[in-house]
Each structure stands twice: as C-alpha cells, then as structure tokens.
C-alpha atoms as a PDB file:
ATOM      1  CA  GLU A   1     133.919 115.554 186.198  1.00  0.00           C
ATOM      2  CA  ALA A   2     137.209 115.056 184.372  1.00  0.00           C
ATOM      3  CA  ARG A   3     135.490 115.549 181.002  1.00  0.00           C
ATOM      4  CA  GLU A   4     134.841 119.178 181.893  1.00  0.00           C
ATOM      5  CA  TYR A   5     138.610 119.753 181.796  1.00  0.00           C
ATOM      6  CA  GLY A   6     138.922 118.248 178.331  1.00  0.00           C
ATOM      7  CA  ILE A   7     140.150 114.855 179.534  1.00  0.00           C
ATOM      8  CA  ARG A   8     139.274 112.024 177.159  1.00  0.00           C
ATOM      9  CA  THR A   9     139.518 108.241 177.129  1.00  0.00           C
ATOM     10  CA  THR A  10     142.983 106.924 176.057  1.00  0.00           C
ATOM     11  CA  MET A  11     144.600 110.319 176.776  1.00  0.00           C
ATOM     12  CA  PRO A  12     148.127 109.956 178.250  1.00  0.00           C
ATOM     13  CA  LEU A  13     148.174 110.407 182.028  1.00  0.00           C
ATOM     14  CA  TRP A  14     150.736 113.234 181.882  1.00  0.00           C
ATOM     15  CA  GLU A  15     148.467 115.201 179.560  1.00  0.00           C
ATOM     16  CA  ALA A  16     145.414 114.586 181.755  1.00  0.00           C
ATOM     17  CA  LYS A  17     147.321 115.855 184.809  1.00  0.00           C
ATOM     18  CA  ARG A  18     148.399 118.925 182.871  1.00  0.00           C
ATOM     19  CA  LEU A  19     144.770 119.734 182.063  1.00  0.00           C
ATOM     20  CA  CYS A  20     143.612 118.949 185.604  1.00  0.00           C
ATOM     21  CA  PRO A  21     146.416 119.168 188.223  1.00  0.00           C
ATOM     22  CA  GLN A  22     144.058 118.066 191.007  1.00  0.00           C
ATOM     23  CA  LEU A  23     143.146 114.894 189.106  1.00  0.00           C
ATOM     24  CA  VAL A  24     142.659 111.835 191.335  1.00  0.00           C
ATOM     25  CA  VAL A  25     144.059 108.739 189.620  1.00  0.00           C
ATOM     26  CA  ARG A  26     142.669 105.319 190.456  1.00  0.00           C
ATOM     27  CA  HIS A  27     144.364 102.125 189.374  1.00  0.00           C
ATOM     28  CA  PRO A  28     142.164  99.881 187.200  1.00  0.00           C
ATOM     29  CA  ASN A  29     140.581  96.720 188.545  1.00  0.00           C
ATOM     30  CA  PHE A  30     140.032  94.647 185.411  1.00  0.00           C
ATOM     31  CA  THR A  31     138.684  91.652 187.304  1.00  0.00           C
ATOM     32  CA  LEU A  32     135.901  93.839 188.684  1.00  0.00           C
ATOM     33  CA  TYR A  33     135.306  95.436 185.270  1.00  0.00           C
ATOM     34  CA  ARG A  34     134.939  92.069 183.530  1.00  0.00           C
ATOM     35  CA  GLU A  35     132.489  90.842 186.164  1.00  0.00           C
ATOM     36  CA  ALA A  36     130.418  94.029 185.887  1.00  0.00           C
ATOM     37  CA  SER A  37     130.494  93.743 182.089  1.00  0.00           C
ATOM     38  CA  PHE A  38     129.266  90.145 182.234  1.00  0.00           C
ATOM     39  CA  GLN A  39     126.438  91.113 184.586  1.00  0.00           C
ATOM     40  CA  MET A  40     125.511  94.088 182.398  1.00  0.00           C
ATOM     41  CA  PHE A  41     125.146  91.961 179.268  1.00  0.00           C
ATOM     42  CA  GLN A  42     123.198  89.367 181.268  1.00  0.00           C
ATOM     43  CA  ILE A  43     120.681  92.073 182.170  1.00  0.00           C
ATOM     44  CA  LEU A  44     120.491  93.275 178.558  1.00  0.00           C
ATOM     45  CA  SER A  45     119.787  89.716 177.390  1.00  0.00           C
ATOM     46  CA  ARG A  46     116.523  89.788 179.352  1.00  0.00           C
ATOM     47  CA  PHE A  47     115.176  92.254 176.802  1.00  0.00           C
ATOM     48  CA  THR A  48     116.527  90.744 173.569  1.00  0.00           C
ATOM     49  CA  GLU A  49     119.010  88.173 172.331  1.00  0.00           C
ATOM     50  CA  GLN A  50     119.983  90.519 169.500  1.00  0.00           C
ATOM     51  CA  ILE A  51     122.976  92.058 171.299  1.00  0.00           C
ATOM     52  CA  GLN A  52     126.312  93.091 169.811  1.00  0.00           C
ATOM     53  CA  PRO A  53     129.002  94.140 172.309  1.00  0.00           C
ATOM     54  CA  PHE A  54     130.941  97.193 171.198  1.00  0.00           C
ATOM     55  CA  SER A  55     133.318  97.345 174.148  1.00  0.00           C
ATOM     56  CA  ILE A  56     133.481  96.149 177.741  1.00  0.00           C
ATOM     57  CA  ASP A  57     130.739  98.620 178.730  1.00  0.00           C
ATOM     58  CA  GLU A  58     128.890  99.334 175.474  1.00  0.00           C
ATOM     59  CA  GLY A  59     126.667  97.360 173.181  1.00  0.00           C
ATOM     60  CA  TYR A  60     124.039  97.572 170.450  1.00  0.00           C
ATOM     61  CA  LEU A  61     120.570  96.083 170.897  1.00  0.00           C
ATOM     62  CA  ASP A  62     118.054  95.398 168.126  1.00  0.00           C
ATOM     63  CA  ILE A  63     114.632  95.758 169.752  1.00  0.00           C
ATOM     64  CA  THR A  64     112.632  95.679 166.507  1.00  0.00           C
ATOM     65  CA  ASP A  65     110.698  92.600 167.631  1.00  0.00           C
ATOM     66  CA  CYS A  66     110.340  93.651 171.276  1.00  0.00           C
ATOM     67  CA  TYR A  67     107.120  95.630 170.837  1.00  0.00           C
ATOM     68  CA  ALA A  68     105.425  93.474 173.495  1.00  0.00           C
ATOM     69  CA  LEU A  69     107.713  95.092 176.087  1.00  0.00           C
ATOM     70  CA  GLY A  70     106.618  98.601 175.177  1.00  0.00           C
ATOM     71  CA  SER A  71     107.852 101.468 173.044  1.00  0.00           C
ATOM     72  CA  PRO A  72     111.595 101.964 172.413  1.00  0.00           C
ATOM     73  CA  LEU A  73     111.617 104.776 174.962  1.00  0.00           C
ATOM     74  CA  GLU A  74     109.860 102.620 177.573  1.00  0.00           C
ATOM     75  CA  ILE A  75     112.319  99.765 176.981  1.00  0.00           C
ATOM     76  CA  ALA A  76     115.262 102.156 177.292  1.00  0.00           C
ATOM     77  CA  LYS A  77     113.931 103.399 180.626  1.00  0.00           C
ATOM     78  CA  MET A  78     113.533  99.813 181.886  1.00  0.00           C
ATOM     79  CA  ILE A  79     117.100  98.945 180.872  1.00  0.00           C
ATOM     80  CA  GLN A  80     118.453 102.074 182.501  1.00  0.00           C
ATOM     81  CA  GLN A  81     116.571 101.408 185.722  1.00  0.00           C
ATOM     82  CA  ALA A  82     117.646  97.739 185.856  1.00  0.00           C
ATOM     83  CA  LEU A  83     121.338  98.613 185.481  1.00  0.00           C
ATOM     84  CA  LEU A  84     121.081 101.368 188.058  1.00  0.00           C
ATOM     85  CA  THR A  85     119.133  99.308 190.596  1.00  0.00           C
ATOM     86  CA  GLU A  86     120.985  95.994 190.280  1.00  0.00           C
ATOM     87  CA  LEU A  87     124.537  97.114 189.472  1.00  0.00           C
ATOM     88  CA  GLN A  88     124.527 100.760 190.572  1.00  0.00           C
ATOM     89  CA  LEU A  89     125.705 101.599 187.057  1.00  0.00           C
ATOM     90  CA  PRO A  90     124.366 104.728 185.356  1.00  0.00           C
ATOM     91  CA  CYS A  91     124.167 104.499 181.585  1.00  0.00           C
ATOM     92  CA  SER A  92     123.287 106.669 178.627  1.00  0.00           C
ATOM     93  CA  ILE A  93     121.159 105.220 175.838  1.00  0.00           C
ATOM     94  CA  GLY A  94     120.689 106.254 172.233  1.00  0.00           C
ATOM     95  CA  ILE A  95     117.564 105.273 170.315  1.00  0.00           C
ATOM     96  CA  ALA A  96     117.878 105.473 166.540  1.00  0.00           C
ATOM     97  CA  PRO A  97     117.128 103.608 163.290  1.00  0.00           C
ATOM     98  CA  ASN A  98     120.728 102.451 162.755  1.00  0.00           C
ATOM     99  CA  LEU A  99     123.971 101.724 164.619  1.00  0.00           C
ATOM    100  CA  PHE A 100     125.786 104.947 163.762  1.00  0.00           C
ATOM    101  CA  LEU A 101     122.958 107.211 164.890  1.00  0.00           C
ATOM    102  CA  ALA A 102     122.353 105.106 168.021  1.00  0.00           C
ATOM    103  CA  LYS A 103     126.009 105.413 169.051  1.00  0.00           C
ATOM    104  CA  THR A 104     125.969 109.147 168.308  1.00  0.00           C
ATOM    105  CA  ALA A 105     122.793 109.595 170.356  1.00  0.00           C
ATOM    106  CA  SER A 106     124.144 107.604 173.310  1.00  0.00           C
ATOM    107  CA  ASP A 107     127.028 110.056 173.680  1.00  0.00           C
ATOM    108  CA  MET A 108     124.762 113.106 173.901  1.00  0.00           C
ATOM    109  CA  LYS A 109     123.458 112.815 177.458  1.00  0.00           C
ATOM    110  CA  LYS A 110     126.073 111.172 179.635  1.00  0.00           C
ATOM    111  CA  PRO A 111     126.111 109.697 182.202  1.00  0.00           C
ATOM    112  CA  LEU A 112     122.384 109.079 182.695  1.00  0.00           C
ATOM    113  CA  GLY A 113     120.315 110.158 179.728  1.00  0.00           C
ATOM    114  CA  ILE A 114     118.195 108.807 176.907  1.00  0.00           C
ATOM    115  CA  THR A 115     118.350 110.445 173.476  1.00  0.00           C
ATOM    116  CA  VAL A 116     116.111 109.719 170.500  1.00  0.00           C
ATOM    117  CA  LEU A 117     117.788 110.621 167.209  1.00  0.00           C
ATOM    118  CA  ARG A 118     115.875 110.430 163.932  1.00  0.00           C
ATOM    119  CA  LYS A 119     117.194 110.933 160.424  1.00  0.00           C
ATOM    120  CA  ARG A 120     115.241 114.159 160.105  1.00  0.00           C
ATOM    121  CA  ASP A 121     117.203 115.543 163.080  1.00  0.00           C
ATOM    122  CA  ILE A 122     120.578 115.164 161.335  1.00  0.00           C
ATOM    123  CA  PRO A 123     120.807 118.566 159.574  1.00  0.00           C
ATOM    124  CA  GLU A 124     120.047 120.474 162.768  1.00  0.00           C
ATOM    125  CA  ILE A 125     121.818 118.354 165.395  1.00  0.00           C
ATOM    126  CA  ILE A 126     124.635 116.453 163.660  1.00  0.00           C
ATOM    127  CA  TRP A 127     125.754 118.498 160.672  1.00  0.00           C
ATOM    128  CA  PRO A 128     126.972 121.609 162.541  1.00  0.00           C
ATOM    129  CA  ARG A 129     129.516 119.509 164.485  1.00  0.00           C
ATOM    130  CA  SER A 130     133.194 119.208 163.656  1.00  0.00           C
ATOM    131  CA  VAL A 131     134.167 116.020 161.796  1.00  0.00           C
ATOM    132  CA  ALA A 132     136.553 115.321 164.699  1.00  0.00           C
ATOM    133  CA  GLU A 133     133.457 114.782 166.893  1.00  0.00           C
ATOM    134  CA  MET A 134     131.963 112.174 164.584  1.00  0.00           C
ATOM    135  CA  HIS A 135     132.029 108.555 165.708  1.00  0.00           C
ATOM    136  CA  GLY A 136     134.469 106.615 163.537  1.00  0.00           C
ATOM    137  CA  ILE A 137     136.763 109.549 162.798  1.00  0.00           C
ATOM    138  CA  GLY A 138     140.095 109.709 164.607  1.00  0.00           C
ATOM    139  CA  GLU A 139     142.677 112.473 164.644  1.00  0.00           C
ATOM    140  CA  LYS A 140     144.495 111.293 161.505  1.00  0.00           C
ATOM    141  CA  THR A 141     141.296 110.973 159.466  1.00  0.00           C
ATOM    142  CA  ALA A 142     140.109 114.379 160.676  1.00  0.00           C
ATOM    143  CA  GLU A 143     143.399 115.898 159.502  1.00  0.00           C
ATOM    144  CA  LYS A 144     143.051 114.259 156.087  1.00  0.00           C
ATOM    145  CA  LEU A 145     139.537 115.662 155.762  1.00  0.00           C
ATOM    146  CA  LYS A 146     140.773 119.124 156.681  1.00  0.00           C
ATOM    147  CA  ASP A 147     143.343 118.804 153.900  1.00  0.00           C
ATOM    148  CA  ILE A 148     140.441 118.697 151.428  1.00  0.00           C
ATOM    149  CA  HIS A 149     138.609 121.525 153.235  1.00  0.00           C
ATOM    150  CA  ILE A 150     136.084 119.352 155.061  1.00  0.00           C
ATOM    151  CA  HIS A 151     135.712 120.636 158.611  1.00  0.00           C
ATOM    152  CA  THR A 152     132.097 119.917 159.555  1.00  0.00           C
ATOM    153  CA  ILE A 153     129.927 116.823 159.285  1.00  0.00           C
ATOM    154  CA  GLU A 154     127.675 118.722 156.873  1.00  0.00           C
ATOM    155  CA  GLN A 155     130.635 119.349 154.568  1.00  0.00           C
ATOM    156  CA  LEU A 156     131.451 115.640 154.728  1.00  0.00           C
ATOM    157  CA  ALA A 157     127.857 114.694 153.879  1.00  0.00           C
ATOM    158  CA  LYS A 158     127.761 117.073 150.914  1.00  0.00           C
ATOM    159  CA  GLY A 159     131.370 116.638 149.776  1.00  0.00           C
ATOM    160  CA  ASP A 160     132.569 115.239 146.462  1.00  0.00           C
ATOM    161  CA  GLU A 161     132.637 111.444 146.825  1.00  0.00           C
ATOM    162  CA  HIS A 162     135.487 111.050 144.325  1.00  0.00           C
ATOM    163  CA  ILE A 163     137.721 113.491 146.206  1.00  0.00           C
ATOM    164  CA  ILE A 164     136.916 111.839 149.539  1.00  0.00           C
ATOM    165  CA  ARG A 165     137.609 108.366 148.132  1.00  0.00           C
ATOM    166  CA  ALA A 166     140.907 109.523 146.616  1.00  0.00           C
ATOM    167  CA  LYS A 167     142.020 110.979 149.959  1.00  0.00           C
ATOM    168  CA  ILE A 168     140.777 108.361 152.436  1.00  0.00           C
ATOM    169  CA  GLY A 169     139.647 105.368 150.403  1.00  0.00           C
ATOM    170  CA  LYS A 170     136.500 103.286 150.859  1.00  0.00           C
ATOM    171  CA  HIS A 171     136.390 104.120 154.560  1.00  0.00           C
ATOM    172  CA  GLY A 172     135.881 107.761 153.598  1.00  0.00           C
ATOM    173  CA  VAL A 173     132.873 106.849 151.460  1.00  0.00           C
ATOM    174  CA  ASP A 174     131.394 104.854 154.355  1.00  0.00           C
ATOM    175  CA  LEU A 175     131.890 107.852 156.646  1.00  0.00           C
ATOM    176  CA  GLN A 176     130.161 110.105 154.129  1.00  0.00           C
ATOM    177  CA  LYS A 177     127.147 107.787 154.055  1.00  0.00           C
ATOM    178  CA  ARG A 178     126.957 107.848 157.843  1.00  0.00           C
ATOM    179  CA  ALA A 179     127.195 111.626 157.833  1.00  0.00           C
ATOM    180  CA  LYS A 180     124.024 111.484 155.736  1.00  0.00           C
ATOM    181  CA  GLY A 181     122.428 109.165 158.304  1.00  0.00           C
ATOM    182  CA  MET A 182     122.887 106.005 156.230  1.00  0.00           C
ATOM    183  CA  ASP A 183     124.215 102.852 157.903  1.00  0.00           C
ATOM    184  CA  ASP A 184     123.192  99.402 156.685  1.00  0.00           C
ATOM    185  CA  ARG A 185     125.127  97.449 159.309  1.00  0.00           C
ATOM    186  CA  GLU A 186     122.982  95.142 161.416  1.00  0.00           C
ATOM    187  CA  VAL A 187     123.341  94.086 165.027  1.00  0.00           C
ATOM    188  CA  ASP A 188     125.530  90.972 164.983  1.00  0.00           C
ATOM    189  CA  PRO A 189     125.274  88.785 168.118  1.00  0.00           C
ATOM    190  CA  ASN A 190     128.091  86.599 166.758  1.00  0.00           C
ATOM    191  CA  GLN A 191     130.584  89.332 167.584  1.00  0.00           C
ATOM    192  CA  MET A 192     130.234  88.471 171.282  1.00  0.00           C
ATOM    193  CA  GLY A 193     133.681  87.589 172.562  1.00  0.00           C
ATOM    194  CA  GLN A 194     135.278  88.187 169.164  1.00  0.00           C
ATOM    195  CA  HIS A 195     138.566  89.490 170.558  1.00  0.00           C
ATOM    196  CA  LYS A 196     140.633  86.341 171.036  1.00  0.00           C
ATOM    197  CA  SER A 197     144.080  87.836 170.574  1.00  0.00           C
ATOM    198  CA  VAL A 198     145.867  91.153 170.265  1.00  0.00           C
ATOM    199  CA  GLY A 199     149.314  91.183 168.746  1.00  0.00           C
ATOM    200  CA  ASN A 200     151.918  92.972 166.673  1.00  0.00           C
ATOM    201  CA  SER A 201     154.781  91.784 164.510  1.00  0.00           C
ATOM    202  CA  MET A 202     157.840  93.247 162.839  1.00  0.00           C
ATOM    203  CA  THR A 203     159.932  92.033 159.893  1.00  0.00           C
ATOM    204  CA  PHE A 204     163.574  93.118 159.842  1.00  0.00           C
ATOM    205  CA  SER A 205     165.146  94.212 156.571  1.00  0.00           C
ATOM    206  CA  LYS A 206     168.179  92.055 157.412  1.00  0.00           C
ATOM    207  CA  ASP A 207     169.006  89.151 159.704  1.00  0.00           C
ATOM    208  CA  MET A 208     169.215  90.367 163.286  1.00  0.00           C
ATOM    209  CA  ASP A 209     171.369  88.849 166.017  1.00  0.00           C
ATOM    210  CA  GLU A 210     172.143  91.821 168.271  1.00  0.00           C
ATOM    211  CA  GLU A 211     170.414  91.272 171.619  1.00  0.00           C
ATOM    212  CA  LYS A 212     170.000  94.976 172.393  1.00  0.00           C
ATOM    213  CA  GLU A 213     168.319  95.709 169.054  1.00  0.00           C
ATOM    214  CA  LEU A 214     166.041  92.716 169.435  1.00  0.00           C
ATOM    215  CA  LEU A 215     165.010  93.770 172.939  1.00  0.00           C
ATOM    216  CA  ASP A 216     164.447  97.349 171.770  1.00  0.00           C
ATOM    217  CA  MET A 217     162.108  96.052 169.088  1.00  0.00           C
ATOM    218  CA  LEU A 218     160.372  93.760 171.582  1.00  0.00           C
ATOM    219  CA  GLU A 219     159.797  96.773 173.817  1.00  0.00           C
ATOM    220  CA  ARG A 220     158.262  98.735 170.936  1.00  0.00           C
ATOM    221  CA  LEU A 221     155.958  95.839 170.106  1.00  0.00           C
ATOM    222  CA  SER A 222     154.964  95.550 173.789  1.00  0.00           C
ATOM    223  CA  LYS A 223     154.052  99.233 173.808  1.00  0.00           C
ATOM    224  CA  SER A 224     151.876  98.809 170.723  1.00  0.00           C
ATOM    225  CA  VAL A 225     150.075  95.774 172.159  1.00  0.00           C
ATOM    226  CA  SER A 226     149.515  97.576 175.466  1.00  0.00           C
ATOM    227  CA  LYS A 227     147.937 100.553 173.705  1.00  0.00           C
ATOM    228  CA  ARG A 228     145.597  98.315 171.733  1.00  0.00           C
ATOM    229  CA  LEU A 229     144.559  96.379 174.835  1.00  0.00           C
ATOM    230  CA  GLN A 230     143.800  99.550 176.774  1.00  0.00           C
ATOM    231  CA  LYS A 231     141.958 101.127 173.852  1.00  0.00           C
ATOM    232  CA  ARG A 232     139.645  98.090 173.765  1.00  0.00           C
ATOM    233  CA  THR A 233     139.526  97.832 177.585  1.00  0.00           C
ATOM    234  CA  LEU A 234     140.945  94.297 177.443  1.00  0.00           C
ATOM    235  CA  VAL A 235     143.442  92.293 179.472  1.00  0.00           C
ATOM    236  CA  SER A 236     145.281  89.044 178.778  1.00  0.00           C
ATOM    237  CA  TYR A 237     146.120  85.952 180.799  1.00  0.00           C
ATOM    238  CA  ASN A 238     148.330  84.514 178.094  1.00  0.00           C
ATOM    239  CA  ILE A 239     151.418  85.765 176.276  1.00  0.00           C
ATOM    240  CA  GLN A 240     153.024  84.374 173.164  1.00  0.00           C
ATOM    241  CA  ILE A 241     156.002  85.268 171.003  1.00  0.00           C
ATOM    242  CA  MET A 242     156.794  83.921 167.557  1.00  0.00           C
ATOM    243  CA  ILE A 243     160.238  84.066 165.949  1.00  0.00           C
ATOM    244  CA  LYS A 244     160.789  83.447 162.242  1.00  0.00           C
ATOM    245  CA  TYR A 245     164.320  82.728 161.057  1.00  0.00           C
ATOM    246  CA  HIS A 246     165.901  83.421 157.678  1.00  0.00           C
ATOM    247  CA  ASP A 247     165.418  79.789 156.655  1.00  0.00           C
ATOM    248  CA  ARG A 248     161.630  80.119 157.287  1.00  0.00           C
ATOM    249  CA  ARG A 249     161.897  78.064 160.475  1.00  0.00           C
ATOM    250  CA  THR A 250     159.410  79.280 163.079  1.00  0.00           C
ATOM    251  CA  VAL A 251     159.620  78.995 166.859  1.00  0.00           C
ATOM    252  CA  THR A 252     156.590  79.805 169.021  1.00  0.00           C
ATOM    253  CA  ARG A 253     156.638  80.138 172.792  1.00  0.00           C
ATOM    254  CA  SER A 254     153.685  80.896 175.041  1.00  0.00           C
ATOM    255  CA  LYS A 255     152.846  81.004 178.725  1.00  0.00           C
ATOM    256  CA  GLN A 256     149.633  81.052 180.721  1.00  0.00           C
ATOM    257  CA  LEU A 257     149.740  83.790 183.364  1.00  0.00           C
ATOM    258  CA  LYS A 258     148.289  83.857 186.878  1.00  0.00           C
ATOM    259  CA  ASN A 259     147.551  87.574 186.771  1.00  0.00           C
ATOM    260  CA  ALA A 260     146.056  89.716 184.028  1.00  0.00           C
ATOM    261  CA  ILE A 261     148.452  91.893 182.064  1.00  0.00           C
ATOM    262  CA  TRP A 262     147.846  95.039 180.038  1.00  0.00           C
ATOM    263  CA  GLU A 263     150.668  97.421 180.967  1.00  0.00           C
ATOM    264  CA  GLU A 264     153.559  97.932 178.547  1.00  0.00           C
ATOM    265  CA  ARG A 265     156.233  97.239 181.171  1.00  0.00           C
ATOM    266  CA  VAL A 266     154.660  93.968 182.334  1.00  0.00           C
ATOM    267  CA  ILE A 267     154.053  92.756 178.779  1.00  0.00           C
ATOM    268  CA  PHE A 268     157.679  93.499 177.876  1.00  0.00           C
ATOM    269  CA  GLN A 269     159.002  91.678 180.942  1.00  0.00           C
ATOM    270  CA  ALA A 270     156.883  88.593 180.241  1.00  0.00           C
ATOM    271  CA  ALA A 271     157.819  88.568 176.546  1.00  0.00           C
ATOM    272  CA  SER A 272     161.514  89.015 177.369  1.00  0.00           C
ATOM    273  CA  ARG A 273     161.460  86.003 179.676  1.00  0.00           C
ATOM    274  CA  LEU A 274     159.953  83.906 176.898  1.00  0.00           C
ATOM    275  CA  TRP A 275     162.515  85.112 174.377  1.00  0.00           C
ATOM    276  CA  LYS A 276     165.485  84.348 176.619  1.00  0.00           C
END
C-alpha cells in the first residue's frame, strides 16, 4: 500500500515517487469514477434519504430514524456488504454522534473497517494525536497552532480560546469545539451536487496589454483551478473566461467541451484558445 510509504492524497507525483521509487502510477478515469460514485450514493439511498456527499467517494448519513433496519453497527455492516458485493468497493465506516467524530472514525480502519467513536473515547483516542492529524486542519493551520505552542489535539481542546481566536479567527474556535467532541452541524441533503463551478480570478494593479504577461497570469490561474478540481476529485466539461476592462466593460466567453478536463496544461490550452 502506498500509504505505508507516507504517500498522501494530493501529494505531488514527484514527491510520491521519491518516497516510493517502485510506485506504479495509473492515469485517472473520471468517467468511471463518476459512474461508481453515482451507483454508490444510489445504494446508500436505500438506507436513508438523509445523505450529504462530502466528496466523490465519501458521504455522511443520518440514520437516527432508521432503527427499523437494526442497530447502527448492523446498518453499517449492511452498507459495507452491499458496496462490496454490488460494486466491488471496500469502504471504511465511522459511527459517531456528530459529523466530525464520524469522519475521524471512518479514517481509523481503512480500507475495510467499521469504527464506533463515542465522546467518552476522545481523551484516550483523539487527544494524544498531533493537530496535523485532525480533520479540518491543513498544514498552514497546523503551523499557526504550533506558533502558539499547540501541538496535540488535547492542547487545542484545552487551549485559551482568546489566543486561538486571535491567531486563527472563528475557524480556530470551531476547531477547538470539535477537539472537545462538539459539532452541531447536521447532515444536509441539499448539498448534493453543490459544486457547480470552480474558478479563480486576478485583478491587475494597472491596465495590462502585454500578451506574454496575460498568458503567464492565465497559466497561473489554470494551475490554481486544476489543483482545486483535483482536491475535490472533480472534472469539468465547460470552460469560461471573463475579462473586465478599465471602463468596467465585461466580456465573457465559454465553450462546452467533448472531453472532461482537470489537468493544468489542458485547462490552460482551452482558456488560451478562448482568450485569443
């Protein structure tokens, strides 16, 4: 398994190959992924309509009113078996009283495990971990927490709220609550298919008419969009550029594509053709 070598999702390919020289790289098949994702959520909908997709292959289910199907553990086993039998897809499942703990639990026994995580388990299981391991904390946030001498999830849970807020803002306070096992977010089925567009924009400090500089900026924007698409495991069949002139006049150009795009190079090429 690549994970055993320290390889993580979204890691640059060159870094992954450095960690694991014998790494076998397979090109993505997003058409297949989308079909499998659709089928997966169709299976989940047999158990409850209270489903909130988190990514192409993850979702939250509220099974509070599904007691007729069995206990939470029994339902989890049925879901796991259905996905494995019908789609040949192993999955890990977290059972918990809120979204944060459920996500944390689901990551504990990959690729085919079921973990029950209760609030009383937090001090023993969650608190000893590094804040960098906590769901919702990226590298930059982890560094900011280290700046105020918060290295573990326990230190985050017990830290001074005012200091955390001053360093990270409201998001830091939300993270502190989750470190304590508190999360009042509810499963929101309306988030299904929420990602309609992914884009980036740039405002120049002065009027720009040099083609090379404009193309350089377009390339940087393409790179940013590509990263965001891949982070969310999304593709696009449409590309659009919008140009605003100094007199506030706006020109928008778009094109429907035959093939899905997600790579920086392909996005840049398509955007360049629209611009020219």
